[in-house]
Amino acid sequence: MSAPTSRTRRSGQGRPWALVTVVAGFVVAAGCVIAVGIVSLGLNPLLQ
């Protein structure tokens, strides 16, 4: 009984951290893409 509970606790603690890292990675990637797009639009006089 003690082994499964410890496993579920470990997996329960591991999943949120994995989700946080994945979400943070997507947010950082999206921020970089948006920043590059804004900079490219700002540097291109033809697009303005």
PDB file of N, CA and C in Angstrom:
ATOM      1  N   MET A   1       0.827  -1.205   0.000  1.00  0.00           N
ATOM      2  CA  MET A   1       0.000   0.000   0.000  1.00  0.00           C
ATOM      3  C   MET A   1       0.862   1.255   0.000  1.00  0.00           C
ATOM      4  N   SER A   2       1.984   1.203   0.701  1.00  0.00           N
ATOM      5  CA  SER A   2       2.801   2.414   0.802  1.00  0.00           C
ATOM      6  C   SER A   2       3.525   2.703  -0.516  1.00  0.00           C
ATOM      7  N   ALA A   3       3.916   1.655  -1.242  1.00  0.00           N
ATOM      8  CA  ALA A   3       4.655   1.860  -2.486  1.00  0.00           C
ATOM      9  C   ALA A   3       3.812   2.580  -3.542  1.00  0.00           C
ATOM     10  N   PRO A   4       2.578   2.133  -3.802  1.00  0.00           N
ATOM     11  CA  PRO A   4       1.773   2.836  -4.826  1.00  0.00           C
ATOM     12  C   PRO A   4       1.496   4.287  -4.455  1.00  0.00           C
ATOM     13  N   THR A   5       1.270   4.558  -3.164  1.00  0.00           N
ATOM     14  CA  THR A   5       0.981   5.938  -2.773  1.00  0.00           C
ATOM     15  C   THR A   5       2.205   6.815  -3.013  1.00  0.00           C
ATOM     16  N   SER A   6       3.402   6.291  -2.702  1.00  0.00           N
ATOM     17  CA  SER A   6       4.607   7.082  -2.929  1.00  0.00           C
ATOM     18  C   SER A   6       4.808   7.314  -4.427  1.00  0.00           C
ATOM     19  N   ARG A   7       4.490   6.302  -5.238  1.00  0.00           N
ATOM     20  CA  ARG A   7       4.640   6.462  -6.686  1.00  0.00           C
ATOM     21  C   ARG A   7       3.660   7.506  -7.214  1.00  0.00           C
ATOM     22  N   THR A   8       2.420   7.450  -6.733  1.00  0.00           N
ATOM     23  CA  THR A   8       1.428   8.421  -7.204  1.00  0.00           C
ATOM     24  C   THR A   8       1.822   9.819  -6.757  1.00  0.00           C
ATOM     25  N   ARG A   9       2.367   9.924  -5.559  1.00  0.00           N
ATOM     26  CA  ARG A   9       2.789  11.250  -5.089  1.00  0.00           C
ATOM     27  C   ARG A   9       3.938  11.781  -5.944  1.00  0.00           C
ATOM     28  N   ARG A  10       4.892  10.908  -6.247  1.00  0.00           N
ATOM     29  CA  ARG A  10       6.025  11.353  -7.066  1.00  0.00           C
ATOM     30  C   ARG A  10       5.561  11.753  -8.460  1.00  0.00           C
ATOM     31  N   SER A  11       4.700  10.933  -9.064  1.00  0.00           N
ATOM     32  CA  SER A  11       4.209  11.265 -10.401  1.00  0.00           C
ATOM     33  C   SER A  11       3.358  12.531 -10.342  1.00  0.00           C
ATOM     34  N   GLY A  12       2.586  12.689  -9.260  1.00  0.00           N
ATOM     35  CA  GLY A  12       1.763  13.890  -9.124  1.00  0.00           C
ATOM     36  C   GLY A  12       2.625  15.133  -9.018  1.00  0.00           C
ATOM     37  N   GLN A  13       3.758  15.016  -8.327  1.00  0.00           N
ATOM     38  CA  GLN A  13       4.649  16.168  -8.215  1.00  0.00           C
ATOM     39  C   GLN A  13       5.429  16.375  -9.509  1.00  0.00           C
ATOM     40  N   GLY A  14       5.689  15.313 -10.240  1.00  0.00           N
ATOM     41  CA  GLY A  14       6.473  15.434 -11.464  1.00  0.00           C
ATOM     42  C   GLY A  14       5.670  16.014 -12.610  1.00  0.00           C
ATOM     43  N   ARG A  15       4.400  15.662 -12.684  1.00  0.00           N
ATOM     44  CA  ARG A  15       3.590  16.141 -13.808  1.00  0.00           C
ATOM     45  C   ARG A  15       3.433  17.655 -13.811  1.00  0.00           C
ATOM     46  N   PRO A  16       3.094  18.293 -12.695  1.00  0.00           N
ATOM     47  CA  PRO A  16       2.969  19.767 -12.719  1.00  0.00           C
ATOM     48  C   PRO A  16       4.267  20.441 -13.157  1.00  0.00           C
ATOM     49  N   TRP A  17       5.407  19.944 -12.677  1.00  0.00           N
ATOM     50  CA  TRP A  17       6.674  20.561 -13.084  1.00  0.00           C
ATOM     51  C   TRP A  17       6.887  20.398 -14.581  1.00  0.00           C
ATOM     52  N   ALA A  18       6.540  19.229 -15.121  1.00  0.00           N
ATOM     53  CA  ALA A  18       6.690  19.014 -16.563  1.00  0.00           C
ATOM     54  C   ALA A  18       5.766  19.947 -17.330  1.00  0.00           C
ATOM     55  N   LEU A  19       4.530  20.083 -16.853  1.00  0.00           N
ATOM     56  CA  LEU A  19       3.585  20.977 -17.534  1.00  0.00           C
ATOM     57  C   LEU A  19       4.077  22.413 -17.463  1.00  0.00           C
ATOM     58  N   VAL A  20       4.609  22.808 -16.304  1.00  0.00           N
ATOM     59  CA  VAL A  20       5.103  24.180 -16.154  1.00  0.00           C
ATOM     60  C   VAL A  20       6.258  24.434 -17.110  1.00  0.00           C
ATOM     61  N   THR A  21       7.173  23.484 -17.215  1.00  0.00           N
ATOM     62  CA  THR A  21       8.319  23.682 -18.111  1.00  0.00           C
ATOM     63  C   THR A  21       7.872  23.722 -19.565  1.00  0.00           C
ATOM     64  N   VAL A  22       6.921  22.864 -19.936  1.00  0.00           N
ATOM     65  CA  VAL A  22       6.436  22.854 -21.323  1.00  0.00           C
ATOM     66  C   VAL A  22       5.719  24.155 -21.637  1.00  0.00           C
ATOM     67  N   VAL A  23       4.844  24.599 -20.726  1.00  0.00           N
ATOM     68  CA  VAL A  23       4.109  25.850 -20.951  1.00  0.00           C
ATOM     69  C   VAL A  23       5.081  27.019 -21.001  1.00  0.00           C
ATOM     70  N   ALA A  24       6.067  27.033 -20.104  1.00  0.00           N
ATOM     71  CA  ALA A  24       7.052  28.114 -20.106  1.00  0.00           C
ATOM     72  C   ALA A  24       7.837  28.115 -21.417  1.00  0.00           C
ATOM     73  N   GLY A  25       8.174  26.945 -21.913  1.00  0.00           N
ATOM     74  CA  GLY A  25       8.892  26.863 -23.184  1.00  0.00           C
ATOM     75  C   GLY A  25       8.072  27.424 -24.331  1.00  0.00           C
ATOM     76  N   PHE A  26       6.773  27.086 -24.359  1.00  0.00           N
ATOM     77  CA  PHE A  26       5.917  27.620 -25.420  1.00  0.00           C
ATOM     78  C   PHE A  26       5.782  29.131 -25.289  1.00  0.00           C
ATOM     79  N   VAL A  27       5.660  29.629 -24.066  1.00  0.00           N
ATOM     80  CA  VAL A  27       5.514  31.076 -23.860  1.00  0.00           C
ATOM     81  C   VAL A  27       6.779  31.798 -24.307  1.00  0.00           C
ATOM     82  N   VAL A  28       7.935  31.264 -23.957  1.00  0.00           N
ATOM     83  CA  VAL A  28       9.200  31.893 -24.354  1.00  0.00           C
ATOM     84  C   VAL A  28       9.350  31.862 -25.869  1.00  0.00           C
ATOM     85  N   ALA A  29       9.010  30.728 -26.483  1.00  0.00           N
ATOM     86  CA  ALA A  29       9.113  30.623 -27.941  1.00  0.00           C
ATOM     87  C   ALA A  29       8.172  31.613 -28.615  1.00  0.00           C
ATOM     88  N   ALA A  30       6.941  31.700 -28.118  1.00  0.00           N
ATOM     89  CA  ALA A  30       5.979  32.641 -28.700  1.00  0.00           C
ATOM     90  C   ALA A  30       6.468  34.076 -28.521  1.00  0.00           C
ATOM     91  N   GLY A  31       7.018  34.385 -27.357  1.00  0.00           N
ATOM     92  CA  GLY A  31       7.534  35.732 -27.120  1.00  0.00           C
ATOM     93  C   GLY A  31       8.675  36.067 -28.066  1.00  0.00           C
ATOM     94  N   CYS A  32       9.557  35.105 -28.302  1.00  0.00           N
ATOM     95  CA  CYS A  32      10.665  35.348 -29.233  1.00  0.00           C
ATOM     96  C   CYS A  32      10.141  35.571 -30.649  1.00  0.00           C
ATOM     97  N   VAL A  33       9.177  34.777 -31.073  1.00  0.00           N
ATOM     98  CA  VAL A  33       8.623  34.929 -32.424  1.00  0.00           C
ATOM     99  C   VAL A  33       7.945  36.284 -32.564  1.00  0.00           C
ATOM    100  N   ILE A  34       7.180  36.684 -31.555  1.00  0.00           N
ATOM    101  CA  ILE A  34       6.492  37.983 -31.616  1.00  0.00           C
ATOM    102  C   ILE A  34       7.509  39.117 -31.623  1.00  0.00           C
ATOM    103  N   ALA A  35       8.551  39.003 -30.779  1.00  0.00           N
ATOM    104  CA  ALA A  35       9.568  40.052 -30.726  1.00  0.00           C
ATOM    105  C   ALA A  35      10.286  40.170 -32.067  1.00  0.00           C
ATOM    106  N   VAL A  36      10.646  39.046 -32.662  1.00  0.00           N
ATOM    107  CA  VAL A  36      11.325  39.077 -33.962  1.00  0.00           C
ATOM    108  C   VAL A  36      10.409  39.673 -35.020  1.00  0.00           C
ATOM    109  N   GLY A  37       9.126  39.333 -34.975  1.00  0.00           N
ATOM    110  CA  GLY A  37       8.175  39.894 -35.938  1.00  0.00           C
ATOM    111  C   GLY A  37       8.044  41.393 -35.793  1.00  0.00           C
ATOM    112  N   ILE A  38       7.972  41.873 -34.542  1.00  0.00           N
ATOM    113  CA  ILE A  38       7.849  43.319 -34.326  1.00  0.00           C
ATOM    114  C   ILE A  38       9.106  44.027 -34.805  1.00  0.00           C
ATOM    115  N   VAL A  39      10.265  43.463 -34.496  1.00  0.00           N
ATOM    116  CA  VAL A  39      11.525  44.085 -34.913  1.00  0.00           C
ATOM    117  C   VAL A  39      11.627  44.094 -36.433  1.00  0.00           C
ATOM    118  N   SER A  40      11.253  42.993 -37.070  1.00  0.00           N
ATOM    119  CA  SER A  40      11.335  42.933 -38.532  1.00  0.00           C
ATOM    120  C   SER A  40      10.373  43.938 -39.153  1.00  0.00           C
ATOM    121  N   LEU A  41       9.179  44.078 -38.582  1.00  0.00           N
ATOM    122  CA  LEU A  41       8.232  45.067 -39.108  1.00  0.00           C
ATOM    123  C   LEU A  41       8.768  46.480 -38.885  1.00  0.00           C
ATOM    124  N   GLY A  42       9.407  46.709 -37.763  1.00  0.00           N
ATOM    125  CA  GLY A  42       9.935  48.040 -37.471  1.00  0.00           C
ATOM    126  C   GLY A  42      11.129  48.384 -38.343  1.00  0.00           C
ATOM    127  N   LEU A  43      11.913  47.391 -38.738  1.00  0.00           N
ATOM    128  CA  LEU A  43      13.104  47.658 -39.546  1.00  0.00           C
ATOM    129  C   LEU A  43      12.783  47.721 -41.033  1.00  0.00           C
ATOM    130  N   ASN A  44      11.631  47.211 -41.451  1.00  0.00           N
ATOM    131  CA  ASN A  44      11.275  47.229 -42.871  1.00  0.00           C
ATOM    132  C   ASN A  44      10.406  48.447 -43.178  1.00  0.00           C
ATOM    133  N   PRO A  45      10.937  49.451 -43.853  1.00  0.00           N
ATOM    134  CA  PRO A  45      10.123  50.638 -44.169  1.00  0.00           C
ATOM    135  C   PRO A  45       9.030  50.325 -45.184  1.00  0.00           C
ATOM    136  N   LEU A  46       9.226  49.285 -45.995  1.00  0.00           N
ATOM    137  CA  LEU A  46       8.217  48.947 -46.998  1.00  0.00           C
ATOM    138  C   LEU A  46       6.936  48.440 -46.343  1.00  0.00           C
ATOM    139  N   LEU A  47       7.072  47.742 -45.213  1.00  0.00           N
ATOM    140  CA  LEU A  47       5.887  47.198 -44.552  1.00  0.00           C
ATOM    141  C   LEU A  47       5.141  48.277 -43.775  1.00  0.00           C
ATOM    142  N   GLN A  48       5.795  49.365 -43.482  1.00  0.00           N
ATOM    143  CA  GLN A  48       5.124  50.441 -42.763  1.00  0.00           C
ATOM    144  C   GLN A  48       4.312  51.268 -43.749  1.00  0.00           C
TER     145      GLN A  48
END
